[in-house]
Amino acid sequence: MDAVYLLFILLLSIFVGFELIQKVPATLHTPLMSGANAISGITVVGALALAGSDSMGGYSSYLGAFAVFLATINVVGGYLVTDRMLAMFKKKQ
């Protein structure tokens, strides 16, 4: 029963997230991207806590290390995209 509940929450959050992002105008994309990068930074901290814990043996450490890797890629890629978008708004000299 818990798996069905969690699957429902996942599908609902995917749908709501898709609908929200689809309605965002292009001028607001860069500030929202920066906010999403901050949230991904929190994900890195949570993944580091999971990687450092030994609650489930070695499995949680490997899963946490993999989560740190993926979240770091997300943060770095997001900041690179944000930097590139902000560079498009700078005045050319």
N, C-alpha and C. Protein backbone atom coordinates (compact mmCIF):
# COMPACT_ATOMS: atom_id res chain seq x y z
N MET A 1 0.82 -1.20 0.00
CA MET A 1 0.00 0.00 0.00
C MET A 1 0.86 1.26 0.00
N ASP A 2 1.97 1.23 0.73
CA ASP A 2 2.86 2.39 0.76
C ASP A 2 3.47 2.67 -0.61
N ALA A 3 3.78 1.61 -1.36
CA ALA A 3 4.38 1.79 -2.68
C ALA A 3 3.40 2.49 -3.62
N VAL A 4 2.13 2.15 -3.54
CA VAL A 4 1.11 2.79 -4.39
C VAL A 4 0.98 4.26 -4.03
N TYR A 5 0.99 4.55 -2.75
CA TYR A 5 0.90 5.93 -2.27
C TYR A 5 2.10 6.75 -2.74
N LEU A 6 3.30 6.19 -2.61
CA LEU A 6 4.51 6.90 -3.04
C LEU A 6 4.54 7.07 -4.56
N LEU A 7 4.08 6.08 -5.29
CA LEU A 7 4.01 6.19 -6.75
C LEU A 7 3.02 7.28 -7.16
N PHE A 8 1.90 7.37 -6.46
CA PHE A 8 0.92 8.43 -6.73
C PHE A 8 1.52 9.81 -6.50
N ILE A 9 2.25 9.97 -5.40
CA ILE A 9 2.89 11.25 -5.11
C ILE A 9 3.93 11.59 -6.17
N LEU A 10 4.70 10.60 -6.59
CA LEU A 10 5.71 10.83 -7.64
C LEU A 10 5.05 11.28 -8.94
N LEU A 11 4.03 10.57 -9.37
CA LEU A 11 3.36 10.92 -10.63
C LEU A 11 2.68 12.28 -10.54
N LEU A 12 2.08 12.58 -9.40
CA LEU A 12 1.44 13.89 -9.22
C LEU A 12 2.47 15.02 -9.25
N SER A 13 3.62 14.81 -8.60
CA SER A 13 4.65 15.85 -8.60
C SER A 13 5.26 16.03 -9.99
N ILE A 14 5.40 14.96 -10.75
CA ILE A 14 5.90 15.08 -12.13
C ILE A 14 4.92 15.90 -12.97
N PHE A 15 3.64 15.60 -12.85
CA PHE A 15 2.62 16.32 -13.62
C PHE A 15 2.58 17.80 -13.25
N VAL A 16 2.55 18.09 -11.95
CA VAL A 16 2.48 19.48 -11.49
C VAL A 16 3.74 20.23 -11.90
N GLY A 17 4.91 19.62 -11.74
CA GLY A 17 6.16 20.26 -12.14
C GLY A 17 6.19 20.57 -13.62
N PHE A 18 5.74 19.62 -14.44
CA PHE A 18 5.71 19.84 -15.89
C PHE A 18 4.78 20.99 -16.25
N GLU A 19 3.61 21.03 -15.64
CA GLU A 19 2.66 22.10 -15.92
C GLU A 19 3.19 23.46 -15.47
N LEU A 20 3.86 23.52 -14.34
CA LEU A 20 4.40 24.79 -13.86
C LEU A 20 5.53 25.29 -14.76
N ILE A 21 6.45 24.42 -15.11
CA ILE A 21 7.58 24.83 -15.94
C ILE A 21 7.12 25.23 -17.33
N GLN A 22 6.12 24.57 -17.85
CA GLN A 22 5.62 24.88 -19.19
C GLN A 22 5.02 26.28 -19.26
N LYS A 23 4.49 26.78 -18.15
CA LYS A 23 3.84 28.09 -18.13
C LYS A 23 4.79 29.24 -17.80
N VAL A 24 6.06 28.97 -17.57
CA VAL A 24 7.01 30.01 -17.19
C VAL A 24 7.47 30.76 -18.45
N PRO A 25 7.36 32.10 -18.45
CA PRO A 25 7.87 32.85 -19.60
C PRO A 25 9.41 32.83 -19.64
N ALA A 26 9.95 33.09 -20.79
CA ALA A 26 11.41 33.00 -20.97
C ALA A 26 12.16 34.00 -20.11
N THR A 27 11.57 35.15 -19.82
CA THR A 27 12.27 36.16 -19.01
C THR A 27 12.43 35.74 -17.55
N LEU A 28 11.60 34.84 -17.09
CA LEU A 28 11.69 34.38 -15.71
C LEU A 28 12.48 33.09 -15.56
N HIS A 29 12.93 32.53 -16.66
CA HIS A 29 13.60 31.24 -16.60
C HIS A 29 14.92 31.30 -15.83
N THR A 30 15.70 32.35 -16.04
CA THR A 30 17.01 32.45 -15.38
C THR A 30 16.90 32.56 -13.87
N PRO A 31 16.03 33.41 -13.31
CA PRO A 31 15.90 33.44 -11.85
C PRO A 31 15.39 32.11 -11.28
N LEU A 32 14.48 31.47 -11.98
CA LEU A 32 13.99 30.18 -11.50
C LEU A 32 15.07 29.12 -11.57
N MET A 33 15.93 29.20 -12.57
CA MET A 33 17.03 28.24 -12.70
C MET A 33 17.99 28.41 -11.53
N SER A 34 18.25 29.63 -11.12
CA SER A 34 19.12 29.86 -9.98
C SER A 34 18.51 29.31 -8.69
N GLY A 35 17.21 29.46 -8.54
CA GLY A 35 16.53 28.90 -7.39
C GLY A 35 16.57 27.38 -7.39
N ALA A 36 16.42 26.79 -8.56
CA ALA A 36 16.50 25.34 -8.67
C ALA A 36 17.91 24.84 -8.34
N ASN A 37 18.92 25.62 -8.69
CA ASN A 37 20.29 25.24 -8.35
C ASN A 37 20.50 25.26 -6.84
N ALA A 38 19.88 26.21 -6.16
CA ALA A 38 19.99 26.26 -4.70
C ALA A 38 19.33 25.03 -4.07
N ILE A 39 18.20 24.63 -4.61
CA ILE A 39 17.53 23.42 -4.11
C ILE A 39 18.38 22.19 -4.38
N SER A 40 19.03 22.14 -5.53
CA SER A 40 19.90 21.01 -5.82
C SER A 40 21.11 21.00 -4.89
N GLY A 41 21.54 22.16 -4.45
CA GLY A 41 22.63 22.22 -3.47
C GLY A 41 22.21 21.59 -2.15
N ILE A 42 20.94 21.77 -1.78
CA ILE A 42 20.41 21.12 -0.58
C ILE A 42 20.39 19.61 -0.79
N THR A 43 20.10 19.18 -2.00
CA THR A 43 20.13 17.75 -2.32
C THR A 43 21.52 17.18 -2.13
N VAL A 44 22.54 17.94 -2.50
CA VAL A 44 23.92 17.48 -2.30
C VAL A 44 24.20 17.27 -0.82
N VAL A 45 23.74 18.20 0.00
CA VAL A 45 23.96 18.07 1.45
C VAL A 45 23.25 16.83 2.00
N GLY A 46 22.02 16.60 1.56
CA GLY A 46 21.29 15.40 1.99
C GLY A 46 21.96 14.13 1.52
N ALA A 47 22.47 14.14 0.29
CA ALA A 47 23.16 12.96 -0.24
C ALA A 47 24.47 12.72 0.51
N LEU A 48 25.14 13.80 0.90
CA LEU A 48 26.37 13.62 1.71
C LEU A 48 26.04 13.01 3.07
N ALA A 49 24.92 13.42 3.65
CA ALA A 49 24.51 12.84 4.94
C ALA A 49 24.20 11.36 4.77
N LEU A 50 23.56 11.00 3.68
CA LEU A 50 23.26 9.59 3.42
C LEU A 50 24.53 8.80 3.16
N ALA A 51 25.46 9.39 2.42
CA ALA A 51 26.71 8.69 2.11
C ALA A 51 27.53 8.47 3.38
N GLY A 52 27.45 9.40 4.31
CA GLY A 52 28.23 9.28 5.54
C GLY A 52 27.60 8.40 6.59
N SER A 53 26.30 8.12 6.44
CA SER A 53 25.65 7.27 7.45
C SER A 53 25.92 5.80 7.15
N ASP A 54 25.77 5.00 8.16
CA ASP A 54 25.98 3.56 8.00
C ASP A 54 24.75 2.83 8.52
N SER A 55 23.57 3.35 8.18
CA SER A 55 22.33 2.78 8.71
C SER A 55 21.96 1.46 8.04
N MET A 56 22.26 1.30 6.78
CA MET A 56 21.89 0.08 6.06
C MET A 56 23.14 -0.67 5.58
N GLY A 57 24.23 -0.45 6.22
CA GLY A 57 25.45 -1.10 5.78
C GLY A 57 26.09 -0.34 4.64
N GLY A 58 26.78 -1.04 3.77
CA GLY A 58 27.47 -0.42 2.65
C GLY A 58 26.55 0.07 1.56
N TYR A 59 25.34 -0.48 1.51
CA TYR A 59 24.41 -0.11 0.44
C TYR A 59 24.07 1.37 0.48
N SER A 60 23.81 1.91 1.65
CA SER A 60 23.44 3.33 1.74
C SER A 60 24.63 4.22 1.41
N SER A 61 25.82 3.79 1.72
CA SER A 61 27.01 4.58 1.39
C SER A 61 27.21 4.68 -0.12
N TYR A 62 27.03 3.55 -0.81
CA TYR A 62 27.17 3.57 -2.27
C TYR A 62 26.06 4.37 -2.92
N LEU A 63 24.85 4.20 -2.42
CA LEU A 63 23.72 4.96 -2.96
C LEU A 63 23.89 6.45 -2.70
N GLY A 64 24.37 6.80 -1.51
CA GLY A 64 24.62 8.21 -1.18
C GLY A 64 25.71 8.81 -2.03
N ALA A 65 26.78 8.05 -2.27
CA ALA A 65 27.87 8.54 -3.12
C ALA A 65 27.38 8.77 -4.54
N PHE A 66 26.54 7.87 -5.03
CA PHE A 66 25.98 8.04 -6.37
C PHE A 66 25.06 9.25 -6.43
N ALA A 67 24.29 9.47 -5.36
CA ALA A 67 23.41 10.64 -5.29
C ALA A 67 24.22 11.94 -5.25
N VAL A 68 25.34 11.92 -4.53
CA VAL A 68 26.22 13.10 -4.50
C VAL A 68 26.73 13.39 -5.91
N PHE A 69 27.14 12.36 -6.61
CA PHE A 69 27.66 12.51 -7.97
C PHE A 69 26.60 13.13 -8.90
N LEU A 70 25.40 12.56 -8.88
CA LEU A 70 24.34 13.07 -9.76
C LEU A 70 23.90 14.48 -9.39
N ALA A 71 23.77 14.75 -8.10
CA ALA A 71 23.34 16.09 -7.68
C ALA A 71 24.41 17.13 -8.01
N THR A 72 25.67 16.75 -7.90
CA THR A 72 26.76 17.68 -8.25
C THR A 72 26.73 18.01 -9.74
N ILE A 73 26.50 17.00 -10.57
CA ILE A 73 26.38 17.25 -12.01
C ILE A 73 25.22 18.21 -12.28
N ASN A 74 24.11 18.02 -11.58
CA ASN A 74 22.94 18.88 -11.75
C ASN A 74 23.24 20.32 -11.35
N VAL A 75 23.93 20.50 -10.23
CA VAL A 75 24.25 21.86 -9.75
C VAL A 75 25.21 22.54 -10.71
N VAL A 76 26.30 21.87 -11.07
CA VAL A 76 27.30 22.47 -11.96
C VAL A 76 26.70 22.78 -13.33
N GLY A 77 25.95 21.85 -13.88
CA GLY A 77 25.31 22.08 -15.18
C GLY A 77 24.31 23.23 -15.12
N GLY A 78 23.56 23.31 -14.04
CA GLY A 78 22.59 24.40 -13.89
C GLY A 78 23.27 25.75 -13.82
N TYR A 79 24.36 25.84 -13.08
CA TYR A 79 25.06 27.12 -13.00
C TYR A 79 25.73 27.48 -14.33
N LEU A 80 26.21 26.49 -15.06
CA LEU A 80 26.79 26.78 -16.38
C LEU A 80 25.73 27.32 -17.34
N VAL A 81 24.56 26.70 -17.31
CA VAL A 81 23.47 27.17 -18.18
C VAL A 81 23.02 28.56 -17.76
N THR A 82 22.90 28.79 -16.46
CA THR A 82 22.49 30.12 -15.97
C THR A 82 23.51 31.18 -16.35
N ASP A 83 24.79 30.87 -16.21
CA ASP A 83 25.84 31.81 -16.59
C ASP A 83 25.78 32.13 -18.08
N ARG A 84 25.55 31.11 -18.88
CA ARG A 84 25.46 31.33 -20.33
C ARG A 84 24.25 32.20 -20.69
N MET A 85 23.14 31.97 -20.00
CA MET A 85 21.94 32.77 -20.27
C MET A 85 22.14 34.21 -19.84
N LEU A 86 22.78 34.42 -18.70
CA LEU A 86 23.04 35.79 -18.24
C LEU A 86 24.03 36.50 -19.16
N ALA A 87 24.94 35.77 -19.75
CA ALA A 87 25.91 36.38 -20.69
C ALA A 87 25.20 36.91 -21.94
N MET A 88 24.08 36.32 -22.28
CA MET A 88 23.34 36.79 -23.46
C MET A 88 22.70 38.16 -23.21
N PHE A 89 22.48 38.52 -21.94
CA PHE A 89 21.85 39.80 -21.62
C PHE A 89 22.87 40.92 -21.40
N LYS A 90 24.15 40.61 -21.37
CA LYS A 90 25.15 41.65 -21.16
C LYS A 90 25.30 42.50 -22.40
N LYS A 91 25.62 43.76 -22.19
CA LYS A 91 25.82 44.66 -23.32
C LYS A 91 27.15 44.36 -23.98
N LYS A 92 27.14 44.35 -25.29
CA LYS A 92 28.36 44.10 -26.04
C LYS A 92 29.11 45.41 -26.24
N GLN A 93 30.42 45.37 -26.03
CA GLN A 93 31.21 46.60 -26.13
C GLN A 93 32.04 46.61 -27.37
